[in-house]
């Protein structure tokens, strides 16, 4: 990594597609927290007690992302770069993934067609967990609208001279746990699920990490009222980039054209996915892509 004042280069092994990450983040962008332009992604950050922002841009002439960041994040630069690398899946070894799926009846051709597909993940695990709970049984667009209301009501206002489009922090666990969420646009039961989850994170009862392993984390989440396997697996995949997470009941995975007109049911898919371990999340990325091409 080479460094100038507030710019770093984050290298990766090709192939890697900016378009995949741009499409993923553009569809889910929260106004004020994130800013997605044709060739850049920026967002607000609360890290190690510091508030700031960062922006990434793909470079046309080298296998690297350019990372710009605010002066305020200099003390936690190592943590910032690790998170951004994870977010854009820059440490993936694409040849290893391609080799793993090469002979698979369904996935072999999908992976050969798009060997650069990776796992876009969230910068902030709590934020992603909130998005997943809000997103239960609603469209991505509806989930973004409701999550945007949480940001407007509860997110701390920010002002940066050099990043005018970044204006708020995503609200923390205590703020969401204690807020009056009347009229937020969710059924009462889901509001209860969200606030109970946020309260457990705020109190430290629930640790948002995979230190005890991915399976234990999923089981812990599924023990909470209102959180089922889809939500737990999706959080493991999108919040932590867990490479073997697999939300088998996800509609996009079940309806991917590769399964033919009849599709596949969740039990069949879960059994089929055993052959894809330990990279099931990459299988999900390719099936979602296949579904979106539909």
Protein backbone atom coordinates (compact mmCIF):
# COMPACT_ATOMS: atom_id res chain seq x y z
CA UNK A 1 0.00 0.00 0.00
CA UNK A 2 1.36 3.38 -0.94
CA UNK A 3 0.25 6.48 0.89
CA UNK A 4 0.01 10.20 0.34
CA UNK A 5 -1.61 12.75 2.69
CA UNK A 6 -5.10 11.23 2.98
CA UNK A 7 -5.11 8.79 0.12
CA UNK A 8 -4.27 5.11 0.11
CA UNK A 9 -4.22 2.53 -2.65
CA UNK A 10 -5.89 -0.77 -1.80
CA UNK A 11 -4.76 -3.49 -4.18
CA UNK A 12 -6.65 -6.61 -5.23
CA UNK A 13 -6.18 -9.65 -7.43
CA UNK A 14 -8.20 -9.40 -10.67
CA UNK A 15 -10.80 -10.02 -11.95
CA UNK A 16 -12.87 -7.62 -9.83
CA UNK A 17 -15.91 -5.68 -11.07
CA UNK A 18 -16.69 -2.14 -9.94
CA UNK A 19 -20.10 -2.51 -11.64
CA UNK A 20 -21.14 -5.25 -9.19
CA UNK A 21 -20.34 -3.14 -6.13
CA UNK A 22 -21.77 0.03 -7.65
CA UNK A 23 -25.08 -1.70 -8.45
CA UNK A 24 -25.27 -3.26 -4.97
CA UNK A 25 -24.59 -0.05 -3.04
CA UNK A 26 -26.55 2.26 -5.37
CA UNK A 27 -29.71 0.20 -4.86
CA UNK A 28 -29.35 0.40 -1.07
CA UNK A 29 -27.82 3.87 -0.54
CA UNK A 30 -29.06 5.86 2.47
CA UNK A 31 -29.22 9.58 1.68
CA UNK A 32 -26.92 11.59 3.95
CA UNK A 33 -25.07 8.49 5.20
CA UNK A 34 -23.88 7.32 1.78
CA UNK A 35 -23.20 8.90 -1.61
CA UNK A 36 -22.93 6.67 -4.66
CA UNK A 37 -21.72 8.26 -7.90
CA UNK A 38 -20.87 6.59 -11.23
CA UNK A 39 -17.23 6.08 -10.21
CA UNK A 40 -17.18 6.53 -6.45
CA UNK A 41 -18.74 5.40 -3.19
CA UNK A 42 -18.58 7.56 -0.04
CA UNK A 43 -20.05 7.29 3.45
CA UNK A 44 -19.95 8.55 7.03
CA UNK A 45 -18.02 6.58 9.63
CA UNK A 46 -18.09 6.14 13.39
CA UNK A 47 -14.99 4.13 14.27
CA UNK A 48 -13.00 3.80 17.51
CA UNK A 49 -14.68 6.92 18.89
CA UNK A 50 -13.91 8.97 15.75
CA UNK A 51 -16.40 10.46 13.28
CA UNK A 52 -15.43 10.98 9.67
CA UNK A 53 -15.95 9.94 6.08
CA UNK A 54 -14.23 7.96 3.36
CA UNK A 55 -14.55 7.70 -0.41
CA UNK A 56 -13.36 4.92 -2.73
CA UNK A 57 -12.82 5.08 -6.48
CA UNK A 58 -11.76 2.31 -8.86
CA UNK A 59 -8.58 3.03 -10.84
CA UNK A 60 -8.62 2.37 -14.58
CA UNK A 61 -4.88 1.77 -14.90
CA UNK A 62 -4.14 -0.52 -11.95
CA UNK A 63 -5.67 -3.30 -9.86
CA UNK A 64 -6.44 -1.08 -6.89
CA UNK A 65 -9.08 1.10 -5.29
CA UNK A 66 -8.17 4.61 -4.25
CA UNK A 67 -9.27 5.30 -0.67
CA UNK A 68 -9.62 8.91 0.49
CA UNK A 69 -10.46 9.58 4.11
CA UNK A 70 -10.99 12.46 6.50
CA UNK A 71 -8.22 13.70 8.80
CA UNK A 72 -10.32 12.59 11.79
CA UNK A 73 -9.89 8.91 10.82
CA UNK A 74 -6.08 8.98 10.77
CA UNK A 75 -5.84 7.48 14.32
CA UNK A 76 -7.89 4.41 13.26
CA UNK A 77 -6.47 4.00 9.77
CA UNK A 78 -5.62 0.30 10.18
CA UNK A 79 -9.19 -0.52 11.24
CA UNK A 80 -10.61 1.66 8.45
CA UNK A 81 -8.57 0.00 5.70
CA UNK A 82 -9.38 -3.49 7.02
CA UNK A 83 -13.11 -2.67 6.97
CA UNK A 84 -12.98 -1.18 3.47
CA UNK A 85 -11.03 -4.17 2.16
CA UNK A 86 -13.71 -6.45 3.59
CA UNK A 87 -16.52 -4.26 2.26
CA UNK A 88 -15.23 -4.50 -1.32
CA UNK A 89 -13.94 -8.09 -0.88
CA UNK A 90 -10.43 -7.11 -1.96
CA UNK A 91 -8.72 -10.11 -0.34
CA UNK A 92 -10.70 -12.69 -2.32
CA UNK A 93 -8.66 -15.15 -4.40
CA UNK A 94 -10.87 -15.40 -7.51
CA UNK A 95 -8.92 -18.26 -9.09
CA UNK A 96 -9.56 -20.37 -5.97
CA UNK A 97 -13.31 -19.66 -6.16
CA UNK A 98 -13.45 -20.40 -9.90
CA UNK A 99 -11.61 -23.70 -9.44
CA UNK A 100 -13.96 -24.74 -6.63
CA UNK A 101 -17.08 -24.34 -8.80
CA UNK A 102 -15.59 -25.25 -12.20
CA UNK A 103 -17.18 -28.71 -12.44
CA UNK A 104 -20.52 -27.89 -10.81
CA UNK A 105 -23.49 -28.62 -13.09
CA UNK A 106 -25.30 -25.35 -12.34
CA UNK A 107 -22.63 -22.98 -11.05
CA UNK A 108 -19.72 -23.92 -13.31
CA UNK A 109 -21.07 -21.95 -16.27
CA UNK A 110 -22.24 -19.01 -14.11
CA UNK A 111 -18.81 -18.61 -12.51
CA UNK A 112 -17.01 -19.00 -15.84
CA UNK A 113 -19.20 -16.20 -17.26
CA UNK A 114 -18.57 -13.82 -14.33
CA UNK A 115 -15.32 -14.84 -12.59
CA UNK A 116 -15.00 -11.38 -11.02
CA UNK A 117 -18.17 -11.56 -8.88
CA UNK A 118 -17.47 -11.10 -5.18
CA UNK A 119 -19.24 -10.42 -1.88
CA UNK A 120 -20.26 -6.80 -1.27
CA UNK A 121 -20.57 -6.42 2.51
CA UNK A 122 -21.48 -3.61 4.88
CA UNK A 123 -19.00 -1.24 6.47
CA UNK A 124 -20.83 -1.44 9.81
CA UNK A 125 -22.23 -4.81 11.04
CA UNK A 126 -24.93 -3.26 13.27
CA UNK A 127 -26.19 -1.13 10.38
CA UNK A 128 -26.42 -4.21 8.16
CA UNK A 129 -28.27 -6.16 10.84
CA UNK A 130 -30.80 -3.33 11.16
CA UNK A 131 -31.25 -3.29 7.37
CA UNK A 132 -31.81 -7.08 7.35
CA UNK A 133 -34.46 -6.95 10.10
CA UNK A 134 -36.20 -3.97 8.47
CA UNK A 135 -36.01 -5.83 5.15
CA UNK A 136 -37.90 -8.92 6.31
CA UNK A 137 -40.69 -9.65 3.81
CA UNK A 138 -40.45 -6.29 2.03
CA UNK A 139 -38.68 -5.14 -1.15
CA UNK A 140 -35.18 -3.65 -1.05
CA UNK A 141 -36.70 -0.29 -2.03
CA UNK A 142 -39.21 -0.36 0.85
CA UNK A 143 -36.47 -1.36 3.31
CA UNK A 144 -34.28 1.55 2.16
CA UNK A 145 -37.20 3.97 2.62
CA UNK A 146 -37.89 2.77 6.19
CA UNK A 147 -34.20 2.66 7.14
CA UNK A 148 -33.87 6.19 5.72
CA UNK A 149 -36.58 7.31 8.17
CA UNK A 150 -34.55 5.83 11.04
CA UNK A 151 -31.53 7.84 9.86
CA UNK A 152 -33.55 11.08 9.56
CA UNK A 153 -35.08 10.68 13.03
CA UNK A 154 -32.14 9.30 14.96
CA UNK A 155 -28.90 9.80 13.00
CA UNK A 156 -26.44 12.34 14.39
CA UNK A 157 -26.01 15.34 12.00
CA UNK A 158 -22.53 15.88 10.58
CA UNK A 159 -20.85 18.59 8.53
CA UNK A 160 -17.73 18.11 6.42
CA UNK A 161 -16.32 20.87 4.23
CA UNK A 162 -14.75 18.35 1.86
CA UNK A 163 -17.70 15.90 1.74
CA UNK A 164 -20.85 18.01 1.62
CA UNK A 165 -23.08 15.07 0.61
CA UNK A 166 -22.20 13.17 3.82
CA UNK A 167 -24.47 14.65 6.48
CA UNK A 168 -25.45 11.99 9.04
CA UNK A 169 -24.19 9.05 11.04
CA UNK A 170 -26.22 5.86 11.08
CA UNK A 171 -27.93 5.67 14.50
CA UNK A 172 -26.33 3.41 17.11
CA UNK A 173 -27.89 0.52 19.06
CA UNK A 174 -28.95 2.55 22.12
CA UNK A 175 -30.62 5.25 19.99
CA UNK A 176 -32.71 2.66 18.10
CA UNK A 177 -33.50 0.61 21.22
CA UNK A 178 -34.85 3.61 23.12
CA UNK A 179 -36.58 5.54 20.31
CA UNK A 180 -40.29 6.03 19.75
CA UNK A 181 -40.69 4.38 16.34
CA UNK A 182 -44.41 5.10 15.87
CA UNK A 183 -45.25 5.72 12.21
CA UNK A 184 -41.89 4.42 10.97
CA UNK A 185 -43.69 2.16 8.48
CA UNK A 186 -43.11 -1.31 9.97
CA UNK A 187 -45.53 -3.77 11.60
CA UNK A 188 -45.48 -3.57 15.41
CA UNK A 189 -43.94 -7.02 15.75
CA UNK A 190 -41.01 -6.12 13.52
CA UNK A 191 -40.46 -2.88 15.48
CA UNK A 192 -40.32 -5.03 18.65
CA UNK A 193 -37.84 -7.41 17.00
CA UNK A 194 -35.64 -4.50 15.90
CA UNK A 195 -35.68 -2.74 19.29
CA UNK A 196 -35.11 -5.95 21.24
CA UNK A 197 -32.14 -6.75 18.99
CA UNK A 198 -30.73 -3.21 19.33
CA UNK A 199 -31.13 -3.33 23.13
CA UNK A 200 -29.17 -6.61 23.31
CA UNK A 201 -26.35 -5.13 21.22
CA UNK A 202 -26.37 -1.90 23.29
CA UNK A 203 -26.14 -3.83 26.58
CA UNK A 204 -23.35 -6.08 25.30
CA UNK A 205 -25.52 -9.17 25.78
CA UNK A 206 -25.26 -9.86 22.05
CA UNK A 207 -21.79 -9.49 20.49
CA UNK A 208 -21.81 -8.60 16.82
CA UNK A 209 -18.79 -10.63 15.72
CA UNK A 210 -17.92 -14.12 14.57
CA UNK A 211 -15.36 -14.84 17.30
CA UNK A 212 -17.20 -18.00 18.37
CA UNK A 213 -17.68 -19.09 14.77
CA UNK A 214 -20.32 -18.43 12.17
CA UNK A 215 -22.62 -21.33 13.18
CA UNK A 216 -22.76 -20.21 16.83
CA UNK A 217 -23.52 -16.63 15.71
CA UNK A 218 -26.40 -17.76 13.48
CA UNK A 219 -27.81 -19.90 16.31
CA UNK A 220 -27.57 -16.98 18.73
CA UNK A 221 -29.47 -14.69 16.34
CA UNK A 222 -32.13 -17.35 15.63
CA UNK A 223 -32.76 -17.61 19.39
CA UNK A 224 -34.03 -14.00 19.37
CA UNK A 225 -37.79 -13.55 18.82
CA UNK A 226 -38.59 -12.48 15.25
CA UNK A 227 -35.23 -13.51 13.73
CA UNK A 228 -35.23 -16.64 11.60
CA UNK A 229 -32.62 -18.47 9.52
CA UNK A 230 -32.90 -16.16 6.47
CA UNK A 231 -32.22 -13.02 8.52
CA UNK A 232 -29.40 -14.63 10.52
CA UNK A 233 -27.64 -16.09 7.46
CA UNK A 234 -28.08 -12.85 5.52
CA UNK A 235 -26.54 -10.85 8.40
CA UNK A 236 -23.58 -13.28 8.54
CA UNK A 237 -23.07 -12.89 4.79
CA UNK A 238 -23.62 -9.15 4.36
CA UNK A 239 -22.39 -7.85 7.74
CA UNK A 240 -19.24 -9.96 7.99
CA UNK A 241 -18.57 -11.36 4.52
CA UNK A 242 -18.80 -14.88 5.97
CA UNK A 243 -17.85 -16.93 2.92
CA UNK A 244 -19.97 -19.98 3.83
CA UNK A 245 -23.16 -18.15 4.90
CA UNK A 246 -26.15 -19.18 2.79
CA UNK A 247 -29.72 -17.85 3.21
CA UNK A 248 -31.32 -20.88 1.53
CA UNK A 249 -34.90 -19.55 1.67
CA UNK A 250 -34.02 -16.33 -0.22
CA UNK A 251 -36.43 -15.79 -3.10
CA UNK A 252 -33.72 -14.67 -5.53
CA UNK A 253 -31.73 -17.86 -4.89
CA UNK A 254 -34.80 -20.08 -5.31
CA UNK A 255 -36.03 -18.38 -8.49
CA UNK A 256 -32.68 -18.06 -10.31
CA UNK A 257 -33.17 -19.02 -14.01
CA UNK A 258 -30.43 -21.65 -13.72
CA UNK A 259 -33.00 -23.88 -11.93
CA UNK A 260 -35.38 -23.79 -14.89
CA UNK A 261 -39.00 -22.64 -14.94
CA UNK A 262 -40.03 -24.70 -11.90
CA UNK A 263 -37.35 -23.19 -9.64
CA UNK A 264 -36.17 -25.11 -6.58
CA UNK A 265 -37.45 -25.21 -2.98
CA UNK A 266 -35.45 -24.15 0.08
CA UNK A 267 -34.92 -27.70 1.36
CA UNK A 268 -33.62 -28.88 -2.03
CA UNK A 269 -31.38 -25.83 -2.34
CA UNK A 270 -29.95 -26.28 1.15
CA UNK A 271 -29.08 -29.91 0.32
CA UNK A 272 -27.65 -28.90 -3.07
CA UNK A 273 -25.52 -26.20 -1.41
CA UNK A 274 -23.61 -28.76 0.70
CA UNK A 275 -21.40 -29.39 -2.34
CA UNK A 276 -20.50 -25.68 -2.42
CA UNK A 277 -18.97 -25.49 1.06
CA UNK A 278 -16.85 -23.70 2.24
CA UNK A 279 -17.73 -21.00 -0.32
CA UNK A 280 -21.55 -21.04 -0.28
CA UNK A 281 -21.77 -17.23 -0.08
CA UNK A 282 -20.02 -16.97 -3.46
CA UNK A 283 -22.55 -19.46 -4.84
CA UNK A 284 -25.26 -17.10 -3.53
CA UNK A 285 -23.58 -14.12 -5.25
CA UNK A 286 -23.65 -15.95 -8.59
CA UNK A 287 -27.25 -17.13 -8.16
CA UNK A 288 -28.38 -13.58 -7.25
CA UNK A 289 -26.60 -12.28 -10.32
CA UNK A 290 -28.28 -14.96 -12.43
CA UNK A 291 -31.67 -13.96 -10.93
CA UNK A 292 -31.09 -10.24 -11.63
CA UNK A 293 -30.21 -11.03 -15.25
CA UNK A 294 -33.36 -13.20 -15.22
